[in-house]
Structures are given as structure tokens and as C-alpha cells.
Amino acid sequence: MLLKNYGKIAGITIIISLFLLIFGVKYVIGQDLVIRNFIAFAVISVLVGTLTGALLFYKLKIAYYIFTTGLLIGFIELFRSFISGKEEWGDLVGILSLFIFTSFGLVIGLIIEGILFLVKKNK
């Protein structure tokens, strides 16, 4: 069922990540948002949603779960950094941690899928 609804899951991921980014910057940090912020957040959200949909489209369930876990950890770290780091570097550290955990989850998931593919191919 999860693999058949890759478009819906990608759309939901886009909406949720866009909401969390806007909520974090606007209400947790308290910064005013300009149009460039909305464009950047939309691009990031569409990229994350597209990656999610592509992983499910190509039936890479393990990579999807690891990527989604990395994304979740990234958002948790983003909010933790926003809340605890109210000084000048807290917002930058939060955004960077989101990128790092998300990309780390994607790379690790793809490596594991590649290893499983090679193991199945050699059997």
C-alpha cells in the first residue's frame, strides 16, 4: 500500500516539511519571513518530497524509512537548536543539522539498499 501511494506521500511530505520550516522560523525563532524565505522553504520541501516519492516509486522501502527517520531527526534537532540556541548561531546550526541528518539518512539508506541488491543478485 505504501508503494502504491508514492505521490500522496510525497505531497504530504512536502506540506508537512514546509509547515515545519515556516513554523520553526516564524514562531519558534520569531523572525519575520520575507518572500525569499518562502521560496527557499518551498524548494527544500519540494526536494524532500520528490526524494520521498522517488524512493517509494523505485520500491526502495528501506531507504525510504531511513531517509524519513533522518528527516525526522533533522527536524527534531532543528527545533531543539532553535529553542536552546537563541544566540546568533542557533538558527544556522538548526538549518544545517536538518540538512546533515536528512542527507545522512538518504546516503545511508541508499548504501543499504545497494548492499541488499548486490547480496540478492549474488544468490
C-alpha atoms as a PDB file:
ATOM      1  CA  MET A   1       0.000   0.000   0.000  1.00  0.00           C
ATOM      2  CA  LEU A   2       2.834   2.360   0.858  1.00  0.00           C
ATOM      3  CA  LEU A   3       4.456   1.844  -2.523  1.00  0.00           C
ATOM      4  CA  LYS A   4       1.253   2.487  -4.471  1.00  0.00           C
ATOM      5  CA  ASN A   5       0.615   5.884  -2.875  1.00  0.00           C
ATOM      6  CA  TYR A   6       4.019   7.415  -3.513  1.00  0.00           C
ATOM      7  CA  GLY A   7       2.500  10.600  -4.991  1.00  0.00           C
ATOM      8  CA  LYS A   8       0.257  11.207  -1.998  1.00  0.00           C
ATOM      9  CA  ILE A   9       3.058  10.508   0.456  1.00  0.00           C
ATOM     10  CA  ALA A  10       5.373  12.849  -1.457  1.00  0.00           C
ATOM     11  CA  GLY A  11       2.709  15.587  -1.343  1.00  0.00           C
ATOM     12  CA  ILE A  12       2.109  15.082   2.364  1.00  0.00           C
ATOM     13  CA  THR A  13       5.860  15.222   2.982  1.00  0.00           C
ATOM     14  CA  ILE A  14       6.082  18.495   1.048  1.00  0.00           C
ATOM     15  CA  ILE A  15       3.253  20.077   3.030  1.00  0.00           C
ATOM     16  CA  ILE A  16       4.480  18.884   6.425  1.00  0.00           C
ATOM     17  CA  SER A  17       8.097  19.932   5.862  1.00  0.00           C
ATOM     18  CA  LEU A  18       7.014  23.334   4.515  1.00  0.00           C
ATOM     19  CA  PHE A  19       4.771  23.842   7.540  1.00  0.00           C
ATOM     20  CA  LEU A  20       7.505  22.803   9.984  1.00  0.00           C
ATOM     21  CA  LEU A  21      10.078  25.110   8.394  1.00  0.00           C
ATOM     22  CA  ILE A  22       7.733  28.106   8.388  1.00  0.00           C
ATOM     23  CA  PHE A  23       6.532  27.351  11.920  1.00  0.00           C
ATOM     24  CA  GLY A  24      10.087  26.978  13.205  1.00  0.00           C
ATOM     25  CA  VAL A  25      11.401  30.215  11.751  1.00  0.00           C
ATOM     26  CA  LYS A  26       8.294  32.350  12.263  1.00  0.00           C
ATOM     27  CA  TYR A  27       7.074  31.231  15.671  1.00  0.00           C
ATOM     28  CA  VAL A  28       9.941  29.457  17.434  1.00  0.00           C
ATOM     29  CA  ILE A  29      12.718  31.871  16.464  1.00  0.00           C
ATOM     30  CA  GLY A  30      10.370  34.799  15.985  1.00  0.00           C
ATOM     31  CA  GLN A  31      11.879  36.127  12.759  1.00  0.00           C
ATOM     32  CA  ASP A  32       9.827  37.853  10.120  1.00  0.00           C
ATOM     33  CA  LEU A  33       9.618  35.910   6.888  1.00  0.00           C
ATOM     34  CA  VAL A  34      10.252  37.517   3.520  1.00  0.00           C
ATOM     35  CA  ILE A  35       9.430  36.127   0.107  1.00  0.00           C
ATOM     36  CA  ARG A  36      12.934  34.634  -0.243  1.00  0.00           C
ATOM     37  CA  ASN A  37      12.325  32.563   2.883  1.00  0.00           C
ATOM     38  CA  PHE A  38       9.113  31.156   1.443  1.00  0.00           C
ATOM     39  CA  ILE A  39      10.833  30.360  -1.861  1.00  0.00           C
ATOM     40  CA  ALA A  40      13.759  28.655  -0.118  1.00  0.00           C
ATOM     41  CA  PHE A  41      11.457  26.670   2.170  1.00  0.00           C
ATOM     42  CA  ALA A  42       9.300  25.640  -0.786  1.00  0.00           C
ATOM     43  CA  VAL A  43      12.347  24.474  -2.752  1.00  0.00           C
ATOM     44  CA  ILE A  44      13.650  22.467   0.200  1.00  0.00           C
ATOM     45  CA  SER A  45      10.230  20.940   0.825  1.00  0.00           C
ATOM     46  CA  VAL A  46       9.688  20.017  -2.818  1.00  0.00           C
ATOM     47  CA  LEU A  47      13.161  18.461  -2.940  1.00  0.00           C
ATOM     48  CA  VAL A  48      12.476  16.382   0.178  1.00  0.00           C
ATOM     49  CA  GLY A  49       9.038  15.369  -1.099  1.00  0.00           C
ATOM     50  CA  THR A  50      10.420  14.441  -4.501  1.00  0.00           C
ATOM     51  CA  LEU A  51      13.116  12.294  -2.914  1.00  0.00           C
ATOM     52  CA  THR A  52      10.493  10.602  -0.762  1.00  0.00           C
ATOM     53  CA  GLY A  53       8.281   9.894  -3.756  1.00  0.00           C
ATOM     54  CA  ALA A  54      11.221   8.663  -5.838  1.00  0.00           C
ATOM     55  CA  LEU A  55      12.334   6.250  -3.133  1.00  0.00           C
ATOM     56  CA  LEU A  56       8.848   4.784  -2.956  1.00  0.00           C
ATOM     57  CA  PHE A  57       8.395   4.800  -6.734  1.00  0.00           C
ATOM     58  CA  TYR A  58      11.544   2.736  -7.195  1.00  0.00           C
ATOM     59  CA  LYS A  59      10.473   0.415  -4.351  1.00  0.00           C
ATOM     60  CA  LEU A  60      13.333   1.327  -2.033  1.00  0.00           C
ATOM     61  CA  LYS A  61      11.411   0.855   1.208  1.00  0.00           C
ATOM     62  CA  ILE A  62      14.410   0.535   3.494  1.00  0.00           C
ATOM     63  CA  ALA A  63      15.975   3.688   2.041  1.00  0.00           C
ATOM     64  CA  TYR A  64      12.604   5.441   2.444  1.00  0.00           C
ATOM     65  CA  TYR A  65      12.366   4.523   6.129  1.00  0.00           C
ATOM     66  CA  ILE A  66      15.965   5.510   6.846  1.00  0.00           C
ATOM     67  CA  PHE A  67      15.569   8.771   4.891  1.00  0.00           C
ATOM     68  CA  THR A  68      12.340   9.591   6.713  1.00  0.00           C
ATOM     69  CA  THR A  69      13.989   8.802  10.050  1.00  0.00           C
ATOM     70  CA  GLY A  70      16.874  11.112   9.165  1.00  0.00           C
ATOM     71  CA  LEU A  71      14.377  13.810   8.182  1.00  0.00           C
ATOM     72  CA  LEU A  72      12.524  13.387  11.471  1.00  0.00           C
ATOM     73  CA  ILE A  73      15.743  13.541  13.487  1.00  0.00           C
ATOM     74  CA  GLY A  74      16.756  16.591  11.467  1.00  0.00           C
ATOM     75  CA  PHE A  75      13.531  18.425  12.298  1.00  0.00           C
ATOM     76  CA  ILE A  76      13.811  17.458  15.972  1.00  0.00           C
ATOM     77  CA  GLU A  77      17.363  18.781  16.025  1.00  0.00           C
ATOM     78  CA  LEU A  78      16.236  21.916  14.154  1.00  0.00           C
ATOM     79  CA  PHE A  79      13.633  22.726  16.788  1.00  0.00           C
ATOM     80  CA  ARG A  80      15.978  21.785  19.641  1.00  0.00           C
ATOM     81  CA  SER A  81      18.605  24.119  18.238  1.00  0.00           C
ATOM     82  CA  PHE A  82      16.051  26.886  17.686  1.00  0.00           C
ATOM     83  CA  ILE A  83      14.760  26.616  21.245  1.00  0.00           C
ATOM     84  CA  SER A  84      18.061  26.203  23.080  1.00  0.00           C
ATOM     85  CA  GLY A  85      20.288  28.327  20.850  1.00  0.00           C
ATOM     86  CA  LYS A  86      18.662  31.745  20.903  1.00  0.00           C
ATOM     87  CA  GLU A  87      22.051  33.384  20.288  1.00  0.00           C
ATOM     88  CA  GLU A  88      23.149  34.371  16.821  1.00  0.00           C
ATOM     89  CA  TRP A  89      24.232  30.878  15.636  1.00  0.00           C
ATOM     90  CA  GLY A  90      21.197  28.859  16.797  1.00  0.00           C
ATOM     91  CA  ASP A  91      19.217  29.308  13.596  1.00  0.00           C
ATOM     92  CA  LEU A  92      22.146  28.447  11.335  1.00  0.00           C
ATOM     93  CA  VAL A  93      23.042  25.366  13.381  1.00  0.00           C
ATOM     94  CA  GLY A  94      19.409  24.232  13.260  1.00  0.00           C
ATOM     95  CA  ILE A  95      19.123  24.510   9.480  1.00  0.00           C
ATOM     96  CA  LEU A  96      22.495  22.843   8.962  1.00  0.00           C
ATOM     97  CA  SER A  97      21.574  19.977  11.272  1.00  0.00           C
ATOM     98  CA  LEU A  98      18.378  19.446   9.280  1.00  0.00           C
ATOM     99  CA  PHE A  99      20.375  19.227   6.058  1.00  0.00           C
ATOM    100  CA  ILE A 100      23.055  16.993   7.564  1.00  0.00           C
ATOM    101  CA  PHE A 101      20.697  14.466   9.162  1.00  0.00           C
ATOM    102  CA  THR A 102      18.460  14.346   6.095  1.00  0.00           C
ATOM    103  CA  SER A 103      21.324  13.836   3.662  1.00  0.00           C
ATOM    104  CA  PHE A 104      22.959  11.326   6.007  1.00  0.00           C
ATOM    105  CA  GLY A 105      19.710   9.343   6.127  1.00  0.00           C
ATOM    106  CA  LEU A 106      19.454   9.381   2.330  1.00  0.00           C
ATOM    107  CA  VAL A 107      23.041   8.244   1.778  1.00  0.00           C
ATOM    108  CA  ILE A 108      22.910   5.505   4.425  1.00  0.00           C
ATOM    109  CA  GLY A 109      19.562   4.276   3.085  1.00  0.00           C
ATOM    110  CA  LEU A 110      20.851   4.104  -0.476  1.00  0.00           C
ATOM    111  CA  ILE A 111      24.021   2.323   0.629  1.00  0.00           C
ATOM    112  CA  ILE A 112      21.994  -0.295   2.496  1.00  0.00           C
ATOM    113  CA  GLU A 113      19.673  -0.753  -0.487  1.00  0.00           C
ATOM    114  CA  GLY A 114      22.714  -1.164  -2.747  1.00  0.00           C
ATOM    115  CA  ILE A 115      24.238  -3.765  -0.461  1.00  0.00           C
ATOM    116  CA  LEU A 116      20.953  -5.687  -0.296  1.00  0.00           C
ATOM    117  CA  PHE A 117      20.658  -5.533  -4.090  1.00  0.00           C
ATOM    118  CA  LEU A 118      24.154  -6.955  -4.519  1.00  0.00           C
ATOM    119  CA  VAL A 119      23.521  -9.710  -1.963  1.00  0.00           C
ATOM    120  CA  LYS A 120      20.268 -10.730  -3.669  1.00  0.00           C
ATOM    121  CA  LYS A 121      21.930 -10.603  -7.083  1.00  0.00           C
ATOM    122  CA  ASN A 122      24.772 -12.887  -5.994  1.00  0.00           C
ATOM    123  CA  LYS A 123      22.445 -15.531  -4.517  1.00  0.00           C
END
